[in-house]
Every structure is written in C-alpha cells, then in structure tokens.
Amino acid sequence: MEQKEFIQARVGILTISDTRNLDTDKSGQLLVAALEAAGHVVTERLVVKDDDFLINTGIAKLKSQSDCVISNGGTGIAVRDVTFEALWDQVEQEIPGFGELFRMLSYEEIGTRAMLSRAFAGFTHDNVLLFVVPGSTNACNLAINKLIIPELPHFLAERRK
C-alpha cells in the first residue's frame, strides 16, 4: 500500500572522509540537493575523518536535530574503514532490505565489486532512521534517488504507528 500523506523529514548528512571537506564533498552536496528538491529539510551537513570518535561525535550531533541521518563514505573493507563498526553499534532495528537492494542495484552498475559495500539502514536506539552508504557520487545518487527518497515518508509513517 502506498504512503498517501507526504511527511517532510529533517535529515542530517554525515560525510566520512579523510580527504574531503565541505567545499569538496560532492556526494554530500548531491544528497542535500536531492533531499531539498524532494521537499525535505537538511538540518546540517558535517564532514569528519574516518575515525570512531569523530564519527560518533558527528552522528550524535546530527541525531539530536534530525528524524533521519544519511552517512556516506567509509563503508568499504580497507583496514582504515571503521564507519560500519562505529555506526552499526547505533542500530537497534536493522532494515535489511536496504543493504540488499543497494548491493543488487550496484551490481547492475558495477558488477561484483558491489559486494564490497557494507551499506545498511536501520533505526537507532533513539529512534532516528539511519542510512549508511558508500561515499562515491554514483553510489550516493543511486541510494538517494532509487531507494531513500521514494520511501523516506513511508519509513517515518510506519515508525510512528
């Protein structure tokens, strides 16, 4: 059944990168533009290094003012990629279909390299919807336009029941 009433989400964007800043963060900029075009409000956009403490500090700040947080970057399997572990600890209820669909759609674009992505989604312990996606602009474009924006109001409506 389709969600009939539009629910405007307050969304925080957390870019995790050792090389980007607010000016060079094309993926974060893409996420903001897509969300605003869809009628949602971006509460804040932060860029932090791939460091457990900095990630947790950034996510805490964004969760305090948002219904949803989208993080991008650091989801790979390199030794320095700690994003998955840092953010997975925030999840109380996983939404397994998000990661599965993201990797399936990625596979259609990039082939077997899609399995290296540790993208996931869920609700945090304090009831904030969290999406964790890779940092490439193509990955963010796929996630925001094919998965997140089409279902964001529905996710929030279901959680508020």
Protein backbone atom coordinates (compact mmCIF):
# COMPACT_ATOMS: atom_id res chain seq x y z
CA MET A 1 0.00 0.00 0.00
CA GLU A 2 1.36 3.39 -0.97
CA GLN A 3 2.04 6.13 1.58
CA LYS A 4 -0.56 8.80 0.81
CA GLU A 5 0.47 11.69 3.02
CA PHE A 6 3.82 13.35 2.40
CA ILE A 7 5.89 13.53 5.57
CA GLN A 8 8.68 16.07 5.46
CA ALA A 9 11.82 14.64 7.03
CA ARG A 10 14.53 16.55 8.87
CA VAL A 11 17.74 14.95 7.61
CA GLY A 12 21.35 15.29 8.72
CA ILE A 13 24.19 14.43 6.33
CA LEU A 14 27.44 12.95 7.67
CA THR A 15 30.27 12.57 5.18
CA ILE A 16 33.09 10.37 6.39
CA SER A 17 36.32 11.06 4.51
CA ASP A 18 39.99 11.57 5.23
CA THR A 19 40.35 13.81 2.15
CA ARG A 20 37.14 15.82 1.68
CA ASN A 21 35.85 19.00 3.30
CA LEU A 22 32.50 20.81 2.97
CA ASP A 23 33.64 22.50 -0.27
CA THR A 24 34.97 19.36 -1.98
CA ASP A 25 32.31 16.95 -0.74
CA LYS A 26 30.37 16.40 -3.98
CA SER A 27 28.48 13.40 -2.57
CA GLY A 28 27.19 15.35 0.43
CA GLN A 29 26.20 18.20 -1.87
CA LEU A 30 24.31 15.76 -4.12
CA LEU A 31 22.43 14.32 -1.13
CA VAL A 32 21.42 17.80 0.06
CA ALA A 33 20.22 18.86 -3.40
CA ALA A 34 18.15 15.69 -3.91
CA LEU A 35 16.56 15.85 -0.46
CA GLU A 36 15.66 19.53 -0.77
CA ALA A 37 14.25 19.00 -4.28
CA ALA A 38 12.03 16.27 -2.80
CA GLY A 39 10.70 18.66 -0.14
CA HIS A 40 12.76 17.52 2.86
CA VAL A 41 14.81 19.74 5.18
CA VAL A 42 18.53 19.22 5.66
CA THR A 43 19.32 20.15 9.25
CA GLU A 44 23.11 20.12 8.91
CA ARG A 45 25.93 18.63 6.85
CA LEU A 46 29.16 17.57 8.52
CA VAL A 47 32.42 16.11 7.21
CA VAL A 48 34.52 14.02 9.61
CA LYS A 49 37.57 11.80 9.21
CA ASP A 50 37.17 8.01 9.27
CA ASP A 51 37.77 7.83 13.00
CA ASP A 52 35.50 6.10 15.52
CA PHE A 53 35.40 9.03 17.98
CA LEU A 54 34.79 11.67 15.28
CA ILE A 55 32.09 9.56 13.61
CA ASN A 56 30.28 9.05 16.92
CA THR A 57 30.56 12.75 17.80
CA GLY A 58 29.17 13.75 14.39
CA ILE A 59 26.31 11.27 14.44
CA ALA A 60 25.30 12.33 17.97
CA LYS A 61 25.12 15.97 16.89
CA LEU A 62 23.04 15.17 13.79
CA LYS A 63 20.68 12.75 15.56
CA SER A 64 19.80 15.42 18.12
CA GLN A 65 18.20 17.57 15.40
CA SER A 66 17.01 15.04 12.79
CA ASP A 67 14.46 12.33 12.04
CA CYS A 68 16.97 10.72 9.70
CA VAL A 69 20.74 10.74 9.21
CA ILE A 70 22.45 9.69 5.99
CA SER A 71 26.14 8.92 6.25
CA ASN A 72 28.31 8.47 3.20
CA GLY A 73 31.84 7.15 2.98
CA GLY A 74 33.98 4.64 4.85
CA THR A 75 31.78 1.61 4.12
CA GLY A 76 34.46 -0.43 2.37
CA ILE A 77 36.70 -3.17 3.71
CA ALA A 78 40.01 -1.29 3.98
CA VAL A 79 41.66 -1.52 7.39
CA ARG A 80 41.07 2.22 7.92
CA ASP A 81 37.31 1.91 7.16
CA VAL A 82 35.75 1.96 10.63
CA THR A 83 32.43 3.53 9.64
CA PHE A 84 30.47 0.28 9.58
CA GLU A 85 31.56 -0.73 13.07
CA ALA A 86 31.09 2.76 14.53
CA LEU A 87 27.59 3.20 13.10
CA TRP A 88 26.38 -0.39 13.36
CA ASP A 89 26.61 -0.02 17.13
CA GLN A 90 23.96 2.72 16.86
CA VAL A 91 21.34 0.39 15.34
CA GLU A 92 18.53 -1.08 17.39
CA GLN A 93 16.43 -2.33 14.47
CA GLU A 94 18.02 -3.12 11.12
CA ILE A 95 16.21 -2.67 7.80
CA PRO A 96 17.97 -5.50 5.93
CA GLY A 97 16.23 -4.86 2.60
CA PHE A 98 18.03 -1.56 2.15
CA GLY A 99 21.52 -3.04 2.04
CA GLU A 100 20.34 -5.97 -0.06
CA LEU A 101 18.63 -3.72 -2.63
CA PHE A 102 21.53 -1.27 -2.65
CA ARG A 103 24.02 -4.03 -3.47
CA MET A 104 21.68 -5.54 -6.08
CA LEU A 105 21.28 -2.20 -7.87
CA SER A 106 25.01 -1.52 -7.53
CA TYR A 107 25.76 -4.92 -9.04
CA GLU A 108 23.75 -3.92 -12.11
CA GLU A 109 26.03 -0.86 -12.48
CA ILE A 110 29.47 -2.03 -11.32
CA GLY A 111 29.35 -5.82 -11.23
CA THR A 112 30.79 -7.98 -8.49
CA ARG A 113 32.60 -5.07 -6.82
CA ALA A 114 29.20 -4.24 -5.29
CA MET A 115 29.71 -6.95 -2.68
CA LEU A 116 32.49 -4.85 -1.08
CA SER A 117 29.92 -2.30 0.09
CA ARG A 118 28.78 -2.60 3.67
CA ALA A 119 25.81 -0.25 3.18
CA PHE A 120 22.99 -0.70 5.69
CA ALA A 121 19.99 1.04 7.24
CA GLY A 122 18.10 0.88 10.49
CA PHE A 123 16.60 2.77 13.37
CA THR A 124 18.95 3.86 16.13
CA HIS A 125 18.42 3.32 19.86
CA ASP A 126 16.91 6.82 20.00
CA ASN A 127 14.53 6.20 17.06
CA VAL A 128 16.41 8.04 14.29
CA LEU A 129 16.38 6.48 10.82
CA LEU A 130 19.99 5.87 9.72
CA PHE A 131 21.22 5.15 6.19
CA VAL A 132 24.90 4.25 5.72
CA VAL A 133 26.08 4.36 2.10
CA PRO A 134 29.39 4.47 0.23
CA GLY A 135 30.92 7.86 -0.48
CA SER A 136 31.15 7.77 -4.26
CA THR A 137 28.87 10.20 -6.05
CA ASN A 138 27.38 7.36 -8.13
CA ALA A 139 26.61 5.32 -5.02
CA CYS A 140 25.02 8.30 -3.28
CA ASN A 141 22.97 9.11 -6.38
CA LEU A 142 21.69 5.53 -6.56
CA ALA A 143 20.88 5.36 -2.84
CA ILE A 144 19.15 8.73 -2.56
CA ASN A 145 17.14 8.63 -5.79
CA LYS A 146 16.24 4.96 -6.13
CA LEU A 147 15.89 3.90 -2.50
CA ILE A 148 15.82 6.64 0.13
CA ILE A 149 13.67 9.45 -1.31
CA PRO A 150 10.96 7.13 -2.70
CA GLU A 151 10.44 5.52 0.72
CA LEU A 152 11.51 8.12 3.30
CA PRO A 153 7.98 9.36 4.17
CA HIS A 154 6.78 5.75 4.32
CA PHE A 155 9.61 4.74 6.69
CA LEU A 156 8.73 7.61 9.03
CA ALA A 157 4.99 6.93 8.88
CA GLU A 158 5.48 3.25 9.67
CA ARG A 159 7.78 4.01 12.60
CA ARG A 160 5.26 6.47 14.08
CA LYS A 161 2.40 3.91 14.17
